[in-house]
Amino acid sequence: RGHDLYVTCSIGITLHPNDGADLETLVKNADMAMYRAKEQGRNTYRLFTPAMNQRARRRQELLTALRQAVERQEFRVFYQPQVDLGSGRVAGMEALVRWQPPQGDLVPPGQFIPLAEDTGLIVPIGLMVLETACRQTAAWVRSGQGRPRLAVNLSARQFSQPDLVEQVVRVLAETGLDPELLELEITESTAMANLDATSETLRRLHAQGLSLSLDDFGTGYSSLSYLRRFAIDGLKIDRSFIRDLASDSGEAAITQTIIAMGHNLRLKVIAEGVETREQLEFLRALGCDYGQGYLFSPPLSAEDMTRLLRAGDRLSPA
């Protein structure tokens, strides 16, 4: 009908007999190689390798364990302090999820969060983190531990849930947390995925009295015009810029630009991944508002965070 259509192809290839002795095995392995081709950019081909089979088997084993972990509630919430760089006071904390199997060590998020995102399991996990962290923060307020601000990251899947606003309202009501103490973080790439929907969701969340910020800022492709229109209160500079801050003039220039831009838009700016005194002094000189990282404290259990809050509201660099 007068329209040109361009078709590309992702191909997976197996060779008999090395990749399978029968048709069913050959087709299964070719299918696995095809998905590998899609993962690596599409419109290309990949030959099957035994490593693909091992990778798929490990992924399936992890997925099975992850589903069981959700059912058995094997996740724990840790809290990493966020420090006012001007005064040294603990201004709040970010809630971070860890997986604690019945036997074995804590599983770091980098090993299971991507899989949870792919399969949708991040939605119940994220809701558990929000509920647990809000309930704990409300308990700290009631016990006289000040009014620390709680930051909770929303995954892309969570943010796209049609009942997200209603879920947040319900959690605040059930836990008794003052909305002014809750800050929800979404990544820059999530915010830019669907601009109109993002703008409306942020507006509705902001109307509940809580704060909103863009996480991993500087790694996505924000339109400055939309950044101005979004109902956000802060920017969180991605740790990749902070890592080489003292030794890379390019990273320093980007960080300085983000801080200046944030302040011109009347947004607070927080730097994550602060690990050295040189980084700290650089950020202070640039006027960054808040810092978060191992220089101040690793993520803490609820019990350790309680002791920190009771000991005082200042946290000196390690």
C-alpha atoms as a PDB file:
ATOM      1  CA  ARG A   1       0.000   0.000   0.000  1.00  0.00           C
ATOM      2  CA  GLY A   2       2.801   2.389  -0.789  1.00  0.00           C
ATOM      3  CA  HIS A   3       4.841   1.783   2.402  1.00  0.00           C
ATOM      4  CA  ASP A   4       8.352   0.329   2.501  1.00  0.00           C
ATOM      5  CA  LEU A   5       8.971  -2.316   5.172  1.00  0.00           C
ATOM      6  CA  TYR A   6      12.500  -3.232   6.282  1.00  0.00           C
ATOM      7  CA  VAL A   7      12.983  -6.545   8.064  1.00  0.00           C
ATOM      8  CA  THR A   8      16.064  -7.616  10.011  1.00  0.00           C
ATOM      9  CA  CYS A   9      16.872 -11.064  11.345  1.00  0.00           C
ATOM     10  CA  SER A  10      18.425 -12.502  14.506  1.00  0.00           C
ATOM     11  CA  ILE A  11      19.850 -15.971  13.886  1.00  0.00           C
ATOM     12  CA  GLY A  12      20.954 -18.760  16.199  1.00  0.00           C
ATOM     13  CA  ILE A  13      23.023 -21.585  14.739  1.00  0.00           C
ATOM     14  CA  THR A  14      23.795 -25.110  15.936  1.00  0.00           C
ATOM     15  CA  LEU A  15      26.048 -27.685  14.284  1.00  0.00           C
ATOM     16  CA  HIS A  16      25.493 -31.439  14.376  1.00  0.00           C
ATOM     17  CA  PRO A  17      26.770 -33.474  16.132  1.00  0.00           C
ATOM     18  CA  ASN A  18      28.727 -31.225  18.525  1.00  0.00           C
ATOM     19  CA  ASP A  19      25.706 -29.114  19.564  1.00  0.00           C
ATOM     20  CA  GLY A  20      23.193 -31.952  19.794  1.00  0.00           C
ATOM     21  CA  ALA A  21      22.657 -35.527  18.692  1.00  0.00           C
ATOM     22  CA  ASP A  22      18.955 -35.143  17.886  1.00  0.00           C
ATOM     23  CA  LEU A  23      16.664 -32.596  16.256  1.00  0.00           C
ATOM     24  CA  GLU A  24      14.988 -31.478  19.491  1.00  0.00           C
ATOM     25  CA  THR A  25      18.314 -30.644  21.169  1.00  0.00           C
ATOM     26  CA  LEU A  26      19.631 -28.873  18.081  1.00  0.00           C
ATOM     27  CA  VAL A  27      16.522 -26.688  17.806  1.00  0.00           C
ATOM     28  CA  LYS A  28      16.518 -25.895  21.538  1.00  0.00           C
ATOM     29  CA  ASN A  29      20.157 -24.843  21.449  1.00  0.00           C
ATOM     30  CA  ALA A  30      19.693 -22.851  18.240  1.00  0.00           C
ATOM     31  CA  ASP A  31      16.823 -21.022  19.933  1.00  0.00           C
ATOM     32  CA  MET A  32      19.119 -20.226  22.858  1.00  0.00           C
ATOM     33  CA  ALA A  33      21.746 -18.843  20.477  1.00  0.00           C
ATOM     34  CA  MET A  34      19.096 -16.758  18.705  1.00  0.00           C
ATOM     35  CA  TYR A  35      18.097 -15.059  21.959  1.00  0.00           C
ATOM     36  CA  ARG A  36      21.761 -14.380  22.622  1.00  0.00           C
ATOM     37  CA  ALA A  37      21.899 -12.631  19.236  1.00  0.00           C
ATOM     38  CA  LYS A  38      18.901 -10.512  20.262  1.00  0.00           C
ATOM     39  CA  GLU A  39      20.523  -9.614  23.578  1.00  0.00           C
ATOM     40  CA  GLN A  40      23.639  -8.438  21.740  1.00  0.00           C
ATOM     41  CA  GLY A  41      21.981  -5.950  19.456  1.00  0.00           C
ATOM     42  CA  ARG A  42      19.728  -7.920  17.049  1.00  0.00           C
ATOM     43  CA  ASN A  43      20.159  -8.191  13.290  1.00  0.00           C
ATOM     44  CA  THR A  44      23.123 -10.522  13.799  1.00  0.00           C
ATOM     45  CA  TYR A  45      23.876 -14.220  14.337  1.00  0.00           C
ATOM     46  CA  ARG A  46      25.380 -16.256  17.124  1.00  0.00           C
ATOM     47  CA  LEU A  47      26.742 -19.782  17.140  1.00  0.00           C
ATOM     48  CA  PHE A  48      25.662 -21.949  20.060  1.00  0.00           C
ATOM     49  CA  THR A  49      28.273 -22.578  22.752  1.00  0.00           C
ATOM     50  CA  PRO A  50      28.081 -24.809  25.855  1.00  0.00           C
ATOM     51  CA  ALA A  51      28.484 -21.661  27.962  1.00  0.00           C
ATOM     52  CA  MET A  52      25.048 -20.506  26.769  1.00  0.00           C
ATOM     53  CA  ASN A  53      23.496 -23.685  28.142  1.00  0.00           C
ATOM     54  CA  GLN A  54      25.275 -23.235  31.461  1.00  0.00           C
ATOM     55  CA  ARG A  55      24.202 -19.601  31.593  1.00  0.00           C
ATOM     56  CA  ALA A  56      20.569 -20.519  30.909  1.00  0.00           C
ATOM     57  CA  ARG A  57      20.672 -23.265  33.546  1.00  0.00           C
ATOM     58  CA  ARG A  58      22.149 -20.906  36.159  1.00  0.00           C
ATOM     59  CA  ARG A  59      19.536 -18.292  35.307  1.00  0.00           C
ATOM     60  CA  GLN A  60      16.715 -20.823  35.711  1.00  0.00           C
ATOM     61  CA  GLU A  61      18.118 -22.026  39.041  1.00  0.00           C
ATOM     62  CA  LEU A  62      18.401 -18.444  40.279  1.00  0.00           C
ATOM     63  CA  LEU A  63      14.867 -17.671  39.098  1.00  0.00           C
ATOM     64  CA  THR A  64      13.463 -20.691  40.953  1.00  0.00           C
ATOM     65  CA  ALA A  65      15.291 -19.671  44.134  1.00  0.00           C
ATOM     66  CA  LEU A  66      14.151 -16.061  43.690  1.00  0.00           C
ATOM     67  CA  ARG A  67      10.476 -17.068  43.373  1.00  0.00           C
ATOM     68  CA  GLN A  68      10.809 -19.137  46.534  1.00  0.00           C
ATOM     69  CA  ALA A  69      12.521 -16.215  48.286  1.00  0.00           C
ATOM     70  CA  VAL A  70       9.544 -13.972  47.496  1.00  0.00           C
ATOM     71  CA  GLU A  71       7.130 -16.582  48.886  1.00  0.00           C
ATOM     72  CA  ARG A  72       9.255 -17.139  51.998  1.00  0.00           C
ATOM     73  CA  GLN A  73       9.985 -13.433  52.554  1.00  0.00           C
ATOM     74  CA  GLU A  74      13.755 -13.902  52.580  1.00  0.00           C
ATOM     75  CA  PHE A  75      14.535 -10.233  51.869  1.00  0.00           C
ATOM     76  CA  ARG A  76      15.943  -7.730  54.350  1.00  0.00           C
ATOM     77  CA  VAL A  77      15.999  -3.965  54.186  1.00  0.00           C
ATOM     78  CA  PHE A  78      19.217  -2.092  54.979  1.00  0.00           C
ATOM     79  CA  TYR A  79      19.646   1.665  55.356  1.00  0.00           C
ATOM     80  CA  GLN A  80      22.534   3.788  54.088  1.00  0.00           C
ATOM     81  CA  PRO A  81      22.806   7.224  55.743  1.00  0.00           C
ATOM     82  CA  GLN A  82      22.658  10.396  53.648  1.00  0.00           C
ATOM     83  CA  VAL A  83      24.725  13.226  55.105  1.00  0.00           C
ATOM     84  CA  ASP A  84      24.364  16.995  54.858  1.00  0.00           C
ATOM     85  CA  LEU A  85      27.784  17.954  53.485  1.00  0.00           C
ATOM     86  CA  GLY A  86      27.653  21.371  55.089  1.00  0.00           C
ATOM     87  CA  SER A  87      26.906  20.357  58.662  1.00  0.00           C
ATOM     88  CA  GLY A  88      27.814  16.672  58.746  1.00  0.00           C
ATOM     89  CA  ARG A  89      24.365  15.823  60.081  1.00  0.00           C
ATOM     90  CA  VAL A  90      22.545  12.660  59.036  1.00  0.00           C
ATOM     91  CA  ALA A  91      19.687  14.045  56.961  1.00  0.00           C
ATOM     92  CA  GLY A  92      18.128  10.717  56.085  1.00  0.00           C
ATOM     93  CA  MET A  93      18.820   7.308  54.596  1.00  0.00           C
ATOM     94  CA  GLU A  94      18.147   5.236  51.525  1.00  0.00           C
ATOM     95  CA  ALA A  95      16.409   1.881  51.874  1.00  0.00           C
ATOM     96  CA  LEU A  96      18.322  -0.912  50.122  1.00  0.00           C
ATOM     97  CA  VAL A  97      17.179  -4.509  49.657  1.00  0.00           C
ATOM     98  CA  ARG A  98      19.323  -7.582  50.310  1.00  0.00           C
ATOM     99  CA  TRP A  99      18.445 -11.242  49.854  1.00  0.00           C
ATOM    100  CA  GLN A 100      19.132 -13.450  52.870  1.00  0.00           C
ATOM    101  CA  PRO A 101      18.771 -17.162  52.010  1.00  0.00           C
ATOM    102  CA  PRO A 102      18.147 -19.536  54.970  1.00  0.00           C
ATOM    103  CA  GLN A 103      21.655 -20.911  54.465  1.00  0.00           C
ATOM    104  CA  GLY A 104      24.455 -18.761  53.138  1.00  0.00           C
ATOM    105  CA  ASP A 105      25.519 -15.146  52.918  1.00  0.00           C
ATOM    106  CA  LEU A 106      23.542 -12.110  51.822  1.00  0.00           C
ATOM    107  CA  VAL A 107      23.053 -11.993  48.059  1.00  0.00           C
ATOM    108  CA  PRO A 108      24.018  -8.540  46.699  1.00  0.00           C
ATOM    109  CA  PRO A 109      21.369  -6.784  44.594  1.00  0.00           C
ATOM    110  CA  GLY A 110      23.451  -6.846  41.426  1.00  0.00           C
ATOM    111  CA  GLN A 111      23.002 -10.631  41.300  1.00  0.00           C
ATOM    112  CA  PHE A 112      19.212 -10.732  41.503  1.00  0.00           C
ATOM    113  CA  ILE A 113      17.699  -7.305  40.770  1.00  0.00           C
ATOM    114  CA  PRO A 114      18.160  -7.545  36.947  1.00  0.00           C
ATOM    115  CA  LEU A 115      16.419 -10.942  36.932  1.00  0.00           C
ATOM    116  CA  ALA A 116      13.673  -9.633  39.209  1.00  0.00           C
ATOM    117  CA  GLU A 117      13.164  -6.741  36.781  1.00  0.00           C
ATOM    118  CA  ASP A 118      12.979  -9.057  33.763  1.00  0.00           C
ATOM    119  CA  THR A 119      10.437 -11.386  35.362  1.00  0.00           C
ATOM    120  CA  GLY A 120       8.287  -8.823  37.180  1.00  0.00           C
ATOM    121  CA  LEU A 121       9.235 -10.151  40.627  1.00  0.00           C
ATOM    122  CA  ILE A 122      10.632  -6.708  41.371  1.00  0.00           C
ATOM    123  CA  VAL A 123       7.074  -5.478  41.903  1.00  0.00           C
ATOM    124  CA  PRO A 124       6.319  -7.547  45.063  1.00  0.00           C
ATOM    125  CA  ILE A 125       9.920  -7.114  46.248  1.00  0.00           C
ATOM    126  CA  GLY A 126       9.732  -3.338  45.793  1.00  0.00           C
ATOM    127  CA  LEU A 127       6.415  -3.132  47.607  1.00  0.00           C
ATOM    128  CA  MET A 128       7.862  -5.099  50.525  1.00  0.00           C
ATOM    129  CA  VAL A 129      10.815  -2.681  50.712  1.00  0.00           C
ATOM    130  CA  LEU A 130       8.491   0.330  50.688  1.00  0.00           C
ATOM    131  CA  GLU A 131       6.240  -1.089  53.409  1.00  0.00           C
ATOM    132  CA  THR A 132       9.108  -2.252  55.637  1.00  0.00           C
ATOM    133  CA  ALA A 133      11.103   0.977  55.327  1.00  0.00           C
ATOM    134  CA  CYS A 134       8.096   3.224  55.926  1.00  0.00           C
ATOM    135  CA  ARG A 135       7.048   1.229  58.974  1.00  0.00           C
ATOM    136  CA  GLN A 136      10.590   1.338  60.396  1.00  0.00           C
ATOM    137  CA  THR A 137      10.991   5.078  59.787  1.00  0.00           C
ATOM    138  CA  ALA A 138       7.640   5.790  61.427  1.00  0.00           C
ATOM    139  CA  ALA A 139       8.824   3.764  64.434  1.00  0.00           C
ATOM    140  CA  TRP A 140      12.028   5.844  64.645  1.00  0.00           C
ATOM    141  CA  VAL A 141       9.978   9.038  64.639  1.00  0.00           C
ATOM    142  CA  ARG A 142       7.631   7.749  67.359  1.00  0.00           C
ATOM    143  CA  SER A 143      10.570   6.692  69.561  1.00  0.00           C
ATOM    144  CA  GLY A 144      12.108  10.164  69.417  1.00  0.00           C
ATOM    145  CA  GLN A 145      14.918   9.475  66.947  1.00  0.00           C
ATOM    146  CA  GLY A 146      14.284  12.731  65.078  1.00  0.00           C
ATOM    147  CA  ARG A 147      12.609  12.991  61.692  1.00  0.00           C
ATOM    148  CA  PRO A 148      14.995  11.299  59.238  1.00  0.00           C
ATOM    149  CA  ARG A 149      14.012  11.425  55.572  1.00  0.00           C
ATOM    150  CA  LEU A 150      13.556   8.056  53.897  1.00  0.00           C
ATOM    151  CA  ALA A 151      14.507   7.525  50.250  1.00  0.00           C
ATOM    152  CA  VAL A 152      13.087   4.496  48.429  1.00  0.00           C
ATOM    153  CA  ASN A 153      13.960   3.615  44.853  1.00  0.00           C
ATOM    154  CA  LEU A 154      11.143   2.639  42.484  1.00  0.00           C
ATOM    155  CA  SER A 155      12.045   0.253  39.687  1.00  0.00           C
ATOM    156  CA  ALA A 156      10.859   0.833  36.133  1.00  0.00           C
ATOM    157  CA  ARG A 157       8.299  -1.958  36.546  1.00  0.00           C
ATOM    158  CA  GLN A 158       6.967  -0.475  39.771  1.00  0.00           C
ATOM    159  CA  PHE A 159       6.724   2.991  38.325  1.00  0.00           C
ATOM    160  CA  SER A 160       4.656   1.712  35.400  1.00  0.00           C
ATOM    161  CA  GLN A 161       2.088  -0.011  37.634  1.00  0.00           C
ATOM    162  CA  PRO A 162      -1.328   1.613  37.057  1.00  0.00           C
ATOM    163  CA  ASP A 163      -2.137   1.573  40.795  1.00  0.00           C
ATOM    164  CA  LEU A 164       1.242   2.909  41.977  1.00  0.00           C
ATOM    165  CA  VAL A 165      -0.146   6.093  43.527  1.00  0.00           C
ATOM    166  CA  GLU A 166      -2.864   4.151  45.354  1.00  0.00           C
ATOM    167  CA  GLN A 167      -0.251   1.697  46.666  1.00  0.00           C
ATOM    168  CA  VAL A 168       1.903   4.508  48.039  1.00  0.00           C
ATOM    169  CA  VAL A 169      -1.102   6.193  49.675  1.00  0.00           C
ATOM    170  CA  ARG A 170      -2.118   2.880  51.268  1.00  0.00           C
ATOM    171  CA  VAL A 171       1.389   2.210  52.612  1.00  0.00           C
ATOM    172  CA  LEU A 172       1.633   5.688  54.132  1.00  0.00           C
ATOM    173  CA  ALA A 173      -1.768   5.278  55.785  1.00  0.00           C
ATOM    174  CA  GLU A 174      -1.036   1.786  57.142  1.00  0.00           C
ATOM    175  CA  THR A 175       2.437   2.611  58.474  1.00  0.00           C
ATOM    176  CA  GLY A 176       1.594   6.080  59.794  1.00  0.00           C
ATOM    177  CA  LEU A 177       4.609   7.710  58.130  1.00  0.00           C
ATOM    178  CA  ASP A 178       4.357  11.435  57.461  1.00  0.00           C
ATOM    179  CA  PRO A 179       4.458  11.859  53.640  1.00  0.00           C
ATOM    180  CA  GLU A 180       6.918  14.729  54.100  1.00  0.00           C
ATOM    181  CA  LEU A 181       9.511  12.196  55.272  1.00  0.00           C
ATOM    182  CA  LEU A 182       9.247   9.966  52.188  1.00  0.00           C
ATOM    183  CA  GLU A 183      11.243  10.541  49.022  1.00  0.00           C
ATOM    184  CA  LEU A 184      10.713   8.268  46.028  1.00  0.00           C
ATOM    185  CA  GLU A 185      13.535   7.893  43.526  1.00  0.00           C
ATOM    186  CA  ILE A 186      13.196   6.889  39.882  1.00  0.00           C
ATOM    187  CA  THR A 187      16.064   6.555  37.448  1.00  0.00           C
ATOM    188  CA  GLU A 188      16.573   9.121  34.742  1.00  0.00           C
ATOM    189  CA  SER A 189      16.049   6.484  32.030  1.00  0.00           C
ATOM    190  CA  THR A 190      12.749   5.410  33.604  1.00  0.00           C
ATOM    191  CA  ALA A 191      11.545   9.006  33.692  1.00  0.00           C
ATOM    192  CA  MET A 192      12.310   9.542  30.013  1.00  0.00           C
ATOM    193  CA  ALA A 193      10.744   6.275  28.790  1.00  0.00           C
ATOM    194  CA  ASN A 194       7.223   7.713  28.541  1.00  0.00           C
ATOM    195  CA  LEU A 195       7.312  11.455  29.096  1.00  0.00           C
ATOM    196  CA  ASP A 196       3.597  12.176  29.296  1.00  0.00           C
ATOM    197  CA  ALA A 197       2.865   9.243  31.606  1.00  0.00           C
ATOM    198  CA  THR A 198       5.884  10.092  33.758  1.00  0.00           C
ATOM    199  CA  SER A 199       4.822  13.695  34.135  1.00  0.00           C
ATOM    200  CA  GLU A 200       1.297  12.703  35.196  1.00  0.00           C
ATOM    201  CA  THR A 201       2.468  10.031  37.667  1.00  0.00           C
ATOM    202  CA  LEU A 202       5.000  12.386  39.249  1.00  0.00           C
ATOM    203  CA  ARG A 203       2.358  15.093  39.542  1.00  0.00           C
ATOM    204  CA  ARG A 204      -0.060  12.717  41.309  1.00  0.00           C
ATOM    205  CA  LEU A 205       2.633  11.435  43.672  1.00  0.00           C
ATOM    206  CA  HIS A 206       3.815  14.954  44.461  1.00  0.00           C
ATOM    207  CA  ALA A 207       0.246  15.916  45.324  1.00  0.00           C
ATOM    208  CA  GLN A 208       0.383  13.400  48.195  1.00  0.00           C
ATOM    209  CA  GLY A 209       2.979  15.574  49.952  1.00  0.00           C
ATOM    210  CA  LEU A 210       6.037  13.394  49.407  1.00  0.00           C
ATOM    211  CA  SER A 211       9.277  14.274  47.593  1.00  0.00           C
ATOM    212  CA  LEU A 212      10.583  12.926  44.285  1.00  0.00           C
ATOM    213  CA  SER A 213      14.057  12.750  42.807  1.00  0.00           C
ATOM    214  CA  LEU A 214      15.844  11.465  39.716  1.00  0.00           C
ATOM    215  CA  ASP A 215      18.365   8.725  40.507  1.00  0.00           C
ATOM    216  CA  ASP A 216      21.504   7.886  38.460  1.00  0.00           C
ATOM    217  CA  PHE A 217      21.339  11.367  36.990  1.00  0.00           C
ATOM    218  CA  GLY A 218      23.752  12.014  34.133  1.00  0.00           C
ATOM    219  CA  THR A 219      23.604   8.500  32.682  1.00  0.00           C
ATOM    220  CA  GLY A 220      20.367   8.943  30.728  1.00  0.00           C
ATOM    221  CA  TYR A 221      19.163  11.356  28.096  1.00  0.00           C
ATOM    222  CA  SER A 222      17.049  13.939  29.857  1.00  0.00           C
ATOM    223  CA  SER A 223      15.389  16.696  27.933  1.00  0.00           C
ATOM    224  CA  LEU A 224      16.022  19.816  29.986  1.00  0.00           C
ATOM    225  CA  SER A 225      12.600  21.166  29.061  1.00  0.00           C
ATOM    226  CA  TYR A 226      10.951  18.083  30.589  1.00  0.00           C
ATOM    227  CA  LEU A 227      13.269  18.186  33.581  1.00  0.00           C
ATOM    228  CA  ARG A 228      11.892  21.628  34.307  1.00  0.00           C
ATOM    229  CA  ARG A 229       8.306  20.411  33.930  1.00  0.00           C
ATOM    230  CA  PHE A 230       8.650  17.275  36.083  1.00  0.00           C
ATOM    231  CA  ALA A 231       7.377  17.562  39.652  1.00  0.00           C
ATOM    232  CA  ILE A 232      10.723  16.635  41.212  1.00  0.00           C
ATOM    233  CA  ASP A 233      12.629  17.934  44.206  1.00  0.00           C
ATOM    234  CA  GLY A 234      16.113  16.569  43.720  1.00  0.00           C
ATOM    235  CA  LEU A 235      18.820  15.058  41.534  1.00  0.00           C
ATOM    236  CA  LYS A 236      21.076  12.174  42.540  1.00  0.00           C
ATOM    237  CA  ILE A 237      24.409  12.225  40.702  1.00  0.00           C
ATOM    238  CA  ASP A 238      25.377   8.789  39.459  1.00  0.00           C
ATOM    239  CA  ARG A 239      28.313   7.159  41.256  1.00  0.00           C
ATOM    240  CA  SER A 240      30.201   6.742  37.963  1.00  0.00           C
ATOM    241  CA  PHE A 241      30.900  10.492  37.953  1.00  0.00           C
ATOM    242  CA  ILE A 242      31.912  10.553  41.624  1.00  0.00           C
ATOM    243  CA  ARG A 243      34.363   7.635  41.297  1.00  0.00           C
ATOM    244  CA  ASP A 244      36.922   9.574  39.228  1.00  0.00           C
ATOM    245  CA  LEU A 245      35.978  13.013  40.479  1.00  0.00           C
ATOM    246  CA  ALA A 246      39.378  13.964  41.899  1.00  0.00           C
ATOM    247  CA  SER A 247      41.442  12.626  38.977  1.00  0.00           C
ATOM    248  CA  ASP A 248      39.322  13.180  35.865  1.00  0.00           C
ATOM    249  CA  SER A 249      38.659  16.743  34.758  1.00  0.00           C
ATOM    250  CA  GLY A 250      35.829  15.569  32.508  1.00  0.00           C
ATOM    251  CA  GLU A 251      33.935  13.900  35.358  1.00  0.00           C
ATOM    252  CA  ALA A 252      34.544  16.960  37.536  1.00  0.00           C
ATOM    253  CA  ALA A 253      33.140  19.264  34.858  1.00  0.00           C
ATOM    254  CA  ILE A 254      30.011  17.119  34.450  1.00  0.00           C
ATOM    255  CA  THR A 255      29.490  16.951  38.210  1.00  0.00           C
ATOM    256  CA  GLN A 256      29.923  20.704  38.559  1.00  0.00           C
ATOM    257  CA  THR A 257      27.419  21.277  35.745  1.00  0.00           C
ATOM    258  CA  ILE A 258      24.822  18.954  37.310  1.00  0.00           C
ATOM    259  CA  ILE A 259      25.133  20.663  40.698  1.00  0.00           C
ATOM    260  CA  ALA A 260      24.851  24.149  39.180  1.00  0.00           C
ATOM    261  CA  MET A 261      21.919  23.125  37.011  1.00  0.00           C
ATOM    262  CA  GLY A 262      20.138  21.490  39.943  1.00  0.00           C
ATOM    263  CA  HIS A 263      20.534  24.566  42.117  1.00  0.00           C
ATOM    264  CA  ASN A 264      19.367  26.858  39.303  1.00  0.00           C
ATOM    265  CA  LEU A 265      16.233  24.716  39.084  1.00  0.00           C
ATOM    266  CA  ARG A 266      15.913  24.928  42.899  1.00  0.00           C
ATOM    267  CA  LEU A 267      16.533  21.218  43.330  1.00  0.00           C
ATOM    268  CA  LYS A 268      18.607  19.602  46.061  1.00  0.00           C
ATOM    269  CA  VAL A 269      21.567  17.576  44.794  1.00  0.00           C
ATOM    270  CA  ILE A 270      22.931  14.412  46.369  1.00  0.00           C
ATOM    271  CA  ALA A 271      26.067  12.511  45.337  1.00  0.00           C
ATOM    272  CA  GLU A 272      26.128   8.748  45.786  1.00  0.00           C
ATOM    273  CA  GLY A 273      29.192   6.553  45.956  1.00  0.00           C
ATOM    274  CA  VAL A 274      31.327   8.953  48.024  1.00  0.00           C
ATOM    275  CA  GLU A 275      34.292   6.864  49.144  1.00  0.00           C
ATOM    276  CA  THR A 276      37.295   9.167  49.642  1.00  0.00           C
ATOM    277  CA  ARG A 277      38.030  12.421  51.446  1.00  0.00           C
ATOM    278  CA  GLU A 278      39.214  13.923  48.158  1.00  0.00           C
ATOM    279  CA  GLN A 279      35.797  13.291  46.634  1.00  0.00           C
ATOM    280  CA  LEU A 280      34.135  14.763  49.714  1.00  0.00           C
ATOM    281  CA  GLU A 281      36.187  17.964  49.655  1.00  0.00           C
ATOM    282  CA  PHE A 282      35.620  18.346  45.924  1.00  0.00           C
ATOM    283  CA  LEU A 283      31.853  18.002  46.365  1.00  0.00           C
ATOM    284  CA  ARG A 284      31.853  20.472  49.233  1.00  0.00           C
ATOM    285  CA  ALA A 285      33.762  22.978  47.121  1.00  0.00           C
ATOM    286  CA  LEU A 286      31.195  22.572  44.346  1.00  0.00           C
ATOM    287  CA  GLY A 287      28.345  23.195  46.787  1.00  0.00           C
ATOM    288  CA  CYS A 288      26.767  19.730  46.606  1.00  0.00           C
ATOM    289  CA  ASP A 289      24.035  19.449  49.249  1.00  0.00           C
ATOM    290  CA  TYR A 290      24.202  15.829  50.395  1.00  0.00           C
ATOM    291  CA  GLY A 291      26.488  12.810  50.153  1.00  0.00           C
ATOM    292  CA  GLN A 292      26.014   9.076  50.496  1.00  0.00           C
ATOM    293  CA  GLY A 293      28.643   6.355  50.438  1.00  0.00           C
ATOM    294  CA  TYR A 294      31.081   4.145  52.308  1.00  0.00           C
ATOM    295  CA  LEU A 295      33.167   7.139  53.398  1.00  0.00           C
ATOM    296  CA  PHE A 296      30.354   7.872  55.843  1.00  0.00           C
ATOM    297  CA  SER A 297      28.803   4.456  56.369  1.00  0.00           C
ATOM    298  CA  PRO A 298      28.002   1.187  54.620  1.00  0.00           C
ATOM    299  CA  PRO A 299      24.342   0.120  54.434  1.00  0.00           C
ATOM    300  CA  LEU A 300      23.189  -0.682  57.974  1.00  0.00           C
ATOM    301  CA  SER A 301      20.662  -3.099  59.398  1.00  0.00           C
ATOM    302  CA  ALA A 302      17.655  -1.553  61.104  1.00  0.00           C
ATOM    303  CA  GLU A 303      19.247  -2.325  64.465  1.00  0.00           C
ATOM    304  CA  ASP A 304      22.526  -0.611  63.577  1.00  0.00           C
ATOM    305  CA  MET A 305      20.719   2.359  62.065  1.00  0.00           C
ATOM    306  CA  THR A 306      18.751   2.707  65.294  1.00  0.00           C
ATOM    307  CA  ARG A 307      22.016   2.830  67.276  1.00  0.00           C
ATOM    308  CA  LEU A 308      23.398   5.457  64.897  1.00  0.00           C
ATOM    309  CA  LEU A 309      20.330   7.648  65.294  1.00  0.00           C
ATOM    310  CA  ARG A 310      20.445   7.307  69.084  1.00  0.00           C
ATOM    311  CA  ALA A 311      24.153   8.149  69.229  1.00  0.00           C
ATOM    312  CA  GLY A 312      23.656  11.507  67.571  1.00  0.00           C
ATOM    313  CA  ASP A 313      22.890  13.076  64.254  1.00  0.00           C
ATOM    314  CA  ARG A 314      26.452  13.789  63.083  1.00  0.00           C
ATOM    315  CA  LEU A 315      28.483  11.315  61.050  1.00  0.00           C
ATOM    316  CA  SER A 316      32.189  11.963  60.515  1.00  0.00           C
ATOM    317  CA  PRO A 317      33.942  10.585  57.427  1.00  0.00           C
ATOM    318  CA  ALA A 318      35.733   7.294  58.041  1.00  0.00           C
END
